[in-house]
Amino acid sequence: MKFRVERDALAEAVAWTAKSLPNRPSVPVLAGVLLRVTDGSLQVSGFDYEVSSQVTVEVQGDADGAALVSGRLLAEITKALPAKPVDIAAVGAHLELVCGSARFTLPTMPVEDYPTLPEMPASAGTVDAAAFAAAVAQVAIAASRDETLPMMTGVRIELSGGNLAMLATDRYRLALREMEWNPDDPEISLNALVPARTLNDTAKTLGPLGGQVVLALSQGAAGEGMIGFSGGTRRTTSRLLDGANYPPVRSLFPASHNAEAQVPVSTLIEVVKRVALVAERATPVLLSFSADGLVVEAGGTEEARASEAMEANFTGEPLTIGFNPQYLIDGLSNLGTQFAVLHFVDAFKPAVISPAGEDGELIGGYRYLIMPIRVSR
């Protein structure tokens, strides 16, 4: 194998592929990225038996072939190279990399020991790349990071005709985003539980590319199945989580509300961040709503307290409710609008945050439910 490639294209491809490699691989070869040159194209691949990543880069190929090298090391090296073309060649049990006057020799691993990447499942449809990336970012923040509850670490994707819905919850908050997409089958009805980290990383990468993202699902997607995403020259596949017993979380959204507040998003985020400086880790911030506006308060150790008032349009009986400050900031930060509307039933039931226009009209198909923290005053 021997080829020449532009530094930026190589560095970007290797960095994206290496990002999904396991920190503690079960076998050494899974820490590698596979470089394969065929007919002037370089495929950079990574696979850990759960997630596969592959990107294609155009190169000047002198000799076809393949080599397997440490992914993280190659990513660090290519990122640090000077802005010049890179010449790469497989020589015996090593990979030689030359860029300008910089020269590296890396040991290779046996290509024959590397697992075969799974094929992409059958296409289910397409969705706008930028809109998909924004939607995933809104939902993935609510997924749990507790690996002892694998089901809660996923994002549930629901495909029903031309509607695509994504849900995630860690039991303390719930995010739901609905959007339009272009199904191959107008009568499609499928659900899939995708690892949130994989989905988020993939969407972040494919979003800036623009165009359409192809969603591909294997049969039996609700159980042991696979999902694939492709856009441009990149493709990712992932095994699905078992979502057969995923709880009916949509029922958590209240059917009605007794109070409503319209707030400027950036102002509330700044106020919560300032006031929360005195709060201990498990201490909530208190939001007191009335016809006069909003007061945000928090207390910490050794009598440390903070409060700040801000404008808010509130309708309903005066209400004081406590939230985890980081969960509140997460929900507000991903609305994508200048204003938010908060709906309340009472101080002890979940509140729902939605993006809104200046006139208070709800925008888009996003809802963020956050559980209150009971406080004694």
Protein backbone atom coordinates (compact mmCIF):
# COMPACT_ATOMS: atom_id res chain seq x y z
CA MET A 1 0.00 0.00 0.00
CA LYS A 2 1.32 3.40 -1.00
CA PHE A 3 -0.49 6.71 -1.50
CA ARG A 4 -0.39 10.50 -1.14
CA VAL A 5 -3.18 12.45 0.55
CA GLU A 6 -3.88 16.01 1.72
CA ARG A 7 -3.04 16.51 5.39
CA ASP A 8 -6.39 18.08 6.42
CA ALA A 9 -8.47 15.39 4.73
CA LEU A 10 -6.43 12.62 6.35
CA ALA A 11 -6.42 14.20 9.81
CA GLU A 12 -10.17 14.76 9.77
CA ALA A 13 -10.91 11.22 8.60
CA VAL A 14 -8.65 9.57 11.15
CA ALA A 15 -9.85 11.78 14.03
CA TRP A 16 -13.50 10.99 13.29
CA THR A 17 -12.88 7.25 13.06
CA ALA A 18 -10.59 7.07 16.09
CA LYS A 19 -13.10 8.94 18.25
CA SER A 20 -15.38 5.91 18.41
CA LEU A 21 -12.62 3.43 19.30
CA PRO A 22 -12.84 1.77 22.74
CA ASN A 23 -10.58 3.02 25.54
CA ARG A 24 -10.07 -0.54 26.79
CA PRO A 25 -10.41 -2.84 23.78
CA SER A 26 -11.14 -6.50 24.44
CA VAL A 27 -8.47 -7.42 21.88
CA PRO A 28 -5.59 -5.17 20.72
CA VAL A 29 -6.68 -4.96 17.07
CA LEU A 30 -9.87 -3.13 18.06
CA ALA A 31 -7.73 -0.14 19.05
CA GLY A 32 -6.64 0.19 15.45
CA VAL A 33 -7.94 1.99 12.39
CA LEU A 34 -7.88 0.12 9.13
CA LEU A 35 -6.45 2.00 6.15
CA ARG A 36 -7.40 0.43 2.82
CA VAL A 37 -6.54 1.90 -0.59
CA THR A 38 -8.44 0.77 -3.69
CA ASP A 39 -8.57 2.53 -7.07
CA GLY A 40 -7.52 5.94 -5.79
CA SER A 41 -9.78 5.91 -2.74
CA LEU A 42 -8.74 5.51 0.89
CA GLN A 43 -11.18 3.96 3.34
CA VAL A 44 -10.49 4.68 7.02
CA SER A 45 -12.44 2.26 9.19
CA GLY A 46 -12.96 1.49 12.86
CA PHE A 47 -15.06 -1.21 14.56
CA ASP A 48 -15.46 -2.49 18.13
CA TYR A 49 -18.22 -5.08 17.49
CA GLU A 50 -20.82 -2.51 18.62
CA VAL A 51 -20.18 0.61 16.51
CA SER A 52 -18.50 0.87 13.12
CA SER A 53 -17.28 4.04 11.43
CA GLN A 54 -15.98 4.45 7.90
CA VAL A 55 -15.03 7.45 5.80
CA THR A 56 -13.75 7.57 2.22
CA VAL A 57 -11.05 10.01 1.10
CA GLU A 58 -9.76 10.60 -2.41
CA VAL A 59 -6.01 9.97 -2.67
CA GLN A 60 -3.23 9.59 -5.23
CA GLY A 61 -2.78 5.84 -5.02
CA ASP A 62 0.46 4.26 -6.16
CA ALA A 63 -0.26 0.79 -4.80
CA ASP A 64 -3.44 -0.74 -3.40
CA GLY A 65 -3.40 -2.52 -0.06
CA ALA A 66 -4.32 -2.27 3.61
CA ALA A 67 -2.67 -1.57 6.95
CA LEU A 68 -3.89 -1.60 10.56
CA VAL A 69 -2.35 0.89 13.00
CA SER A 70 -3.13 2.40 16.39
CA GLY A 71 -6.02 4.77 15.82
CA ARG A 72 -5.40 7.23 18.63
CA LEU A 73 -1.68 7.49 17.89
CA LEU A 74 -2.32 8.05 14.18
CA ALA A 75 -4.93 10.68 15.02
CA GLU A 76 -2.47 12.59 17.23
CA ILE A 77 0.25 12.41 14.59
CA THR A 78 -1.88 13.52 11.63
CA LYS A 79 -3.30 16.42 13.66
CA ALA A 80 0.22 17.67 14.40
CA LEU A 81 1.61 17.39 10.85
CA PRO A 82 2.58 20.49 8.87
CA ALA A 83 0.14 21.71 6.19
CA LYS A 84 1.68 19.69 3.36
CA PRO A 85 0.75 16.55 1.40
CA VAL A 86 1.31 13.31 3.30
CA ASP A 87 2.99 10.25 1.77
CA ILE A 88 2.08 6.94 3.40
CA ALA A 89 3.45 3.50 2.59
CA ALA A 90 3.24 0.07 4.17
CA VAL A 91 6.74 -1.40 4.45
CA GLY A 92 6.94 -4.84 6.01
CA ALA A 93 5.46 -4.73 9.50
CA HIS A 94 5.50 -0.94 9.64
CA LEU A 95 3.68 2.07 8.23
CA GLU A 96 5.89 4.92 7.05
CA LEU A 97 4.42 8.42 7.05
CA VAL A 98 6.26 11.39 5.53
CA CYS A 99 5.04 14.99 5.53
CA GLY A 100 7.57 17.64 4.54
CA SER A 101 10.64 16.93 6.67
CA ALA A 102 8.62 15.05 9.30
CA ARG A 103 8.89 11.27 9.19
CA PHE A 104 7.12 8.67 11.34
CA THR A 105 7.38 4.89 11.42
CA LEU A 106 4.51 3.08 13.13
CA PRO A 107 4.17 -0.62 13.88
CA THR A 108 1.23 -2.32 12.21
CA MET A 109 -1.09 -5.05 13.44
CA PRO A 110 -2.23 -8.09 11.42
CA VAL A 111 -4.97 -6.99 9.02
CA GLU A 112 -6.32 -10.54 8.86
CA ASP A 113 -7.13 -10.39 12.60
CA TYR A 114 -9.39 -7.34 12.17
CA PRO A 115 -13.14 -8.05 12.18
CA THR A 116 -15.16 -7.45 9.03
CA LEU A 117 -17.28 -4.31 9.24
CA PRO A 118 -21.04 -4.95 9.13
CA GLU A 119 -22.95 -4.05 6.01
CA MET A 120 -25.29 -1.08 6.11
CA PRO A 121 -28.88 -2.16 6.86
CA ALA A 122 -31.60 -1.42 4.33
CA SER A 123 -32.46 2.26 3.92
CA ALA A 124 -35.56 3.44 5.79
CA GLY A 125 -35.52 7.03 4.51
CA THR A 126 -33.70 10.35 4.63
CA VAL A 127 -33.74 13.45 6.82
CA ASP A 128 -32.17 16.89 6.52
CA ALA A 129 -28.68 16.65 8.02
CA ALA A 130 -28.62 20.00 9.83
CA ALA A 131 -32.13 19.60 11.26
CA PHE A 132 -31.32 16.06 12.37
CA ALA A 133 -28.15 17.17 14.16
CA ALA A 134 -30.02 19.94 15.99
CA ALA A 135 -32.80 17.56 17.02
CA VAL A 136 -30.41 14.91 18.33
CA ALA A 137 -28.56 17.54 20.40
CA GLN A 138 -31.85 18.59 21.99
CA VAL A 139 -32.77 15.05 22.99
CA ALA A 140 -29.45 13.35 23.82
CA ILE A 141 -28.80 15.62 26.82
CA ALA A 142 -31.60 13.88 28.71
CA ALA A 143 -30.22 10.35 28.26
CA SER A 144 -28.75 8.67 31.32
CA ARG A 145 -25.02 8.05 31.66
CA ASP A 146 -25.52 5.22 34.14
CA GLU A 147 -24.31 2.11 32.33
CA THR A 148 -25.99 -0.13 34.93
CA LEU A 149 -29.29 0.83 33.26
CA PRO A 150 -28.46 0.39 29.56
CA MET A 151 -32.01 1.11 28.41
CA MET A 152 -31.85 4.63 29.84
CA THR A 153 -28.59 5.43 28.03
CA GLY A 154 -30.35 5.32 24.68
CA VAL A 155 -32.43 7.61 22.51
CA ARG A 156 -35.67 6.04 21.34
CA ILE A 157 -36.35 6.76 17.67
CA GLU A 158 -39.94 6.33 16.57
CA LEU A 159 -40.70 6.24 12.85
CA SER A 160 -44.35 6.58 11.91
CA GLY A 161 -45.08 7.55 8.33
CA GLY A 162 -43.59 10.98 7.67
CA ASN A 163 -43.06 11.71 11.38
CA LEU A 164 -39.78 11.04 13.17
CA ALA A 165 -39.78 11.33 16.96
CA MET A 166 -36.86 11.03 19.38
CA LEU A 167 -37.15 10.59 23.15
CA ALA A 168 -34.63 10.22 25.97
CA THR A 169 -34.87 10.20 29.76
CA ASP A 170 -32.67 9.63 32.79
CA ARG A 171 -35.76 9.47 35.06
CA TYR A 172 -35.22 13.06 36.26
CA ARG A 173 -35.92 14.74 32.93
CA LEU A 174 -37.37 13.81 29.57
CA ALA A 175 -36.73 15.29 26.14
CA LEU A 176 -39.00 14.80 23.13
CA ARG A 177 -38.43 16.11 19.62
CA GLU A 178 -40.69 15.46 16.66
CA MET A 179 -39.82 16.36 13.08
CA GLU A 180 -40.60 15.54 9.48
CA TRP A 181 -38.51 13.15 7.41
CA ASN A 182 -38.71 11.34 4.06
CA PRO A 183 -39.51 7.64 4.57
CA ASP A 184 -38.92 5.13 1.79
CA ASP A 185 -42.19 3.47 2.87
CA PRO A 186 -44.99 5.97 3.66
CA GLU A 187 -46.59 3.34 5.94
CA ILE A 188 -43.45 2.70 7.98
CA SER A 189 -43.91 2.03 11.70
CA LEU A 190 -40.68 1.16 13.52
CA ASN A 191 -39.03 1.90 16.85
CA ALA A 192 -35.34 1.71 17.68
CA LEU A 193 -33.33 2.38 20.84
CA VAL A 194 -29.96 3.84 19.84
CA PRO A 195 -27.04 4.47 22.22
CA ALA A 196 -27.20 8.21 22.89
CA ARG A 197 -23.46 8.80 22.73
CA THR A 198 -23.13 7.13 19.34
CA LEU A 199 -26.15 8.95 17.96
CA ASN A 200 -24.93 12.32 19.22
CA ASP A 201 -21.39 11.89 17.89
CA THR A 202 -22.71 10.76 14.50
CA ALA A 203 -25.18 13.62 14.19
CA LYS A 204 -22.53 16.19 15.14
CA THR A 205 -20.35 14.90 12.33
CA LEU A 206 -22.98 14.55 9.62
CA GLY A 207 -24.85 17.79 10.39
CA PRO A 208 -22.21 20.24 9.11
CA LEU A 209 -21.89 18.27 5.87
CA GLY A 210 -25.36 19.44 4.83
CA GLY A 211 -27.61 17.58 2.44
CA GLN A 212 -29.48 14.49 3.57
CA VAL A 213 -28.69 11.78 6.10
CA VAL A 214 -29.77 8.27 5.20
CA LEU A 215 -31.31 6.31 8.09
CA ALA A 216 -31.02 2.58 7.69
CA LEU A 217 -32.60 -0.05 9.96
CA SER A 218 -32.37 -3.81 10.10
CA GLN A 219 -35.51 -5.90 10.51
CA GLY A 220 -36.59 -6.48 14.07
CA ALA A 221 -35.24 -3.08 15.08
CA ALA A 222 -37.10 -3.12 18.40
CA GLY A 223 -34.90 -5.96 19.63
CA GLU A 224 -31.62 -7.34 18.32
CA GLY A 225 -31.11 -5.04 15.39
CA MET A 226 -28.80 -2.52 13.83
CA ILE A 227 -29.10 1.08 12.71
CA GLY A 228 -26.98 2.88 10.17
CA PHE A 229 -26.41 6.52 9.21
CA SER A 230 -24.67 7.78 6.10
CA GLY A 231 -24.01 11.19 4.65
CA GLY A 232 -21.44 12.37 2.15
CA THR A 233 -18.46 10.00 2.34
CA ARG A 234 -19.16 8.88 5.91
CA ARG A 235 -21.16 6.02 7.33
CA THR A 236 -21.75 4.65 10.83
CA THR A 237 -23.52 1.56 12.08
CA SER A 238 -24.48 0.71 15.64
CA ARG A 239 -26.07 -2.21 17.42
CA LEU A 240 -29.38 -1.26 18.98
CA LEU A 241 -30.14 -1.45 22.68
CA ASP A 242 -32.93 -3.71 23.81
CA GLY A 243 -35.91 -1.38 23.98
CA ALA A 244 -38.65 -4.00 24.27
CA ASN A 245 -39.53 -2.83 27.79
CA TYR A 246 -38.92 0.89 27.29
CA PRO A 247 -41.35 2.72 29.60
CA PRO A 248 -44.28 4.71 28.14
CA VAL A 249 -42.60 8.02 28.91
CA ARG A 250 -44.89 10.12 26.75
CA SER A 251 -47.54 9.74 29.45
CA LEU A 252 -45.36 11.82 31.78
CA PHE A 253 -46.23 15.00 29.89
CA PRO A 254 -49.16 16.63 31.73
CA ALA A 255 -52.40 16.83 29.78
CA SER A 256 -53.06 20.34 31.12
CA HIS A 257 -51.38 23.07 33.16
CA ASN A 258 -52.39 25.57 35.84
CA ALA A 259 -49.69 28.21 35.35
CA GLU A 260 -47.50 29.50 32.53
CA ALA A 261 -44.38 31.65 32.38
CA GLN A 262 -42.67 33.23 29.39
CA VAL A 263 -38.99 34.03 29.97
CA PRO A 264 -36.00 35.26 27.92
CA VAL A 265 -33.76 32.21 27.59
CA SER A 266 -30.29 33.77 27.74
CA THR A 267 -31.18 35.93 30.75
CA LEU A 268 -32.56 33.01 32.75
CA ILE A 269 -29.50 30.88 31.96
CA GLU A 270 -27.16 33.64 33.18
CA VAL A 271 -29.19 34.22 36.35
CA VAL A 272 -29.34 30.51 37.20
CA LYS A 273 -25.58 30.15 36.68
CA ARG A 274 -24.84 33.10 38.98
CA VAL A 275 -27.23 32.11 41.73
CA ALA A 276 -26.14 28.45 41.62
CA LEU A 277 -22.58 29.44 42.55
CA VAL A 278 -23.55 29.19 46.23
CA ALA A 279 -25.51 25.94 45.81
CA GLU A 280 -24.08 22.61 46.84
CA ARG A 281 -24.09 19.72 44.41
CA ALA A 282 -27.52 18.37 45.41
CA THR A 283 -29.04 21.75 46.22
CA PRO A 284 -31.76 23.04 43.89
CA VAL A 285 -32.31 26.56 42.68
CA LEU A 286 -35.72 27.96 43.58
CA LEU A 287 -37.79 29.79 41.00
CA SER A 288 -40.52 31.96 42.50
CA PHE A 289 -43.04 33.17 39.93
CA SER A 290 -45.65 35.86 40.49
CA ALA A 291 -47.33 38.71 38.64
CA ASP A 292 -44.25 40.80 39.47
CA GLY A 293 -41.89 38.47 37.56
CA LEU A 294 -39.37 35.83 38.65
CA VAL A 295 -36.96 35.57 41.58
CA VAL A 296 -34.25 32.90 41.43
CA GLU A 297 -32.72 31.82 44.76
CA ALA A 298 -30.23 29.28 46.10
CA GLY A 299 -28.62 28.51 49.44
CA GLY A 300 -25.45 26.69 50.33
CA THR A 301 -23.25 25.93 53.31
CA GLU A 302 -22.35 28.36 56.10
CA GLU A 303 -25.36 30.58 55.43
CA ALA A 304 -24.27 31.37 51.85
CA ARG A 305 -27.27 32.52 49.87
CA ALA A 306 -27.99 34.22 46.58
CA SER A 307 -31.03 35.65 44.85
CA GLU A 308 -31.70 37.63 41.71
CA ALA A 309 -34.88 39.02 40.17
CA MET A 310 -35.67 39.13 36.46
CA GLU A 311 -38.57 39.86 34.17
CA ALA A 312 -41.04 37.12 33.31
CA ASN A 313 -44.60 37.08 32.03
CA PHE A 314 -46.50 34.82 34.41
CA THR A 315 -50.13 33.76 34.53
CA GLY A 316 -51.56 31.68 37.34
CA GLU A 317 -51.34 31.51 41.13
CA PRO A 318 -47.91 32.46 42.59
CA LEU A 319 -45.60 29.46 42.49
CA THR A 320 -42.23 28.47 43.95
CA ILE A 321 -40.57 25.40 42.46
CA GLY A 322 -37.08 23.89 42.79
CA PHE A 323 -34.93 22.38 40.03
CA ASN A 324 -31.50 20.87 39.59
CA PRO A 325 -29.68 23.91 38.14
CA GLN A 326 -27.66 21.95 35.57
CA TYR A 327 -30.72 20.10 34.29
CA LEU A 328 -32.53 23.42 33.95
CA ILE A 329 -29.61 25.00 32.08
CA ASP A 330 -29.32 21.97 29.77
CA GLY A 331 -32.95 22.25 28.75
CA LEU A 332 -32.85 26.00 28.19
CA SER A 333 -29.55 25.91 26.27
CA ASN A 334 -30.90 23.58 23.60
CA LEU A 335 -34.14 25.38 22.77
CA GLY A 336 -32.67 27.37 19.90
CA THR A 337 -34.98 30.34 20.52
CA GLN A 338 -34.77 33.65 22.38
CA PHE A 339 -37.80 32.88 24.52
CA ALA A 340 -39.11 29.87 26.42
CA VAL A 341 -42.50 29.00 27.83
CA LEU A 342 -42.66 27.00 31.06
CA HIS A 343 -45.86 25.16 31.93
CA PHE A 344 -46.62 24.11 35.51
CA VAL A 345 -49.26 21.96 37.20
CA ASP A 346 -48.00 22.67 40.72
CA ALA A 347 -44.72 22.80 42.66
CA PHE A 348 -44.56 19.02 43.03
CA LYS A 349 -45.28 17.85 39.49
CA PRO A 350 -43.05 17.98 36.38
CA ALA A 351 -42.69 21.25 34.51
CA VAL A 352 -42.45 21.40 30.72
CA ILE A 353 -40.14 23.81 28.88
CA SER A 354 -40.83 24.62 25.22
CA PRO A 355 -39.23 26.98 22.69
CA ALA A 356 -41.34 30.04 21.92
CA GLY A 357 -41.46 33.25 19.94
CA GLU A 358 -41.58 36.74 21.38
CA ASP A 359 -45.38 36.56 21.33
CA GLY A 360 -45.37 33.41 23.43
CA GLU A 361 -46.38 31.10 20.58
CA LEU A 362 -44.73 27.68 20.84
CA ILE A 363 -42.19 26.89 18.11
CA GLY A 364 -41.13 23.53 16.72
CA GLY A 365 -41.80 20.05 18.04
CA TYR A 366 -39.54 20.12 21.12
CA ARG A 367 -40.55 19.62 24.74
CA TYR A 368 -38.26 19.24 27.75
CA LEU A 369 -39.81 17.88 30.94
CA ILE A 370 -37.95 18.39 34.20
CA MET A 371 -38.80 16.89 37.58
CA PRO A 372 -38.96 19.32 40.51
CA ILE A 373 -36.95 18.89 43.70
CA ARG A 374 -39.06 19.16 46.82
CA VAL A 375 -37.83 21.82 49.19
CA SER A 376 -38.90 23.01 52.62
CA ARG A 377 -39.14 26.73 53.17
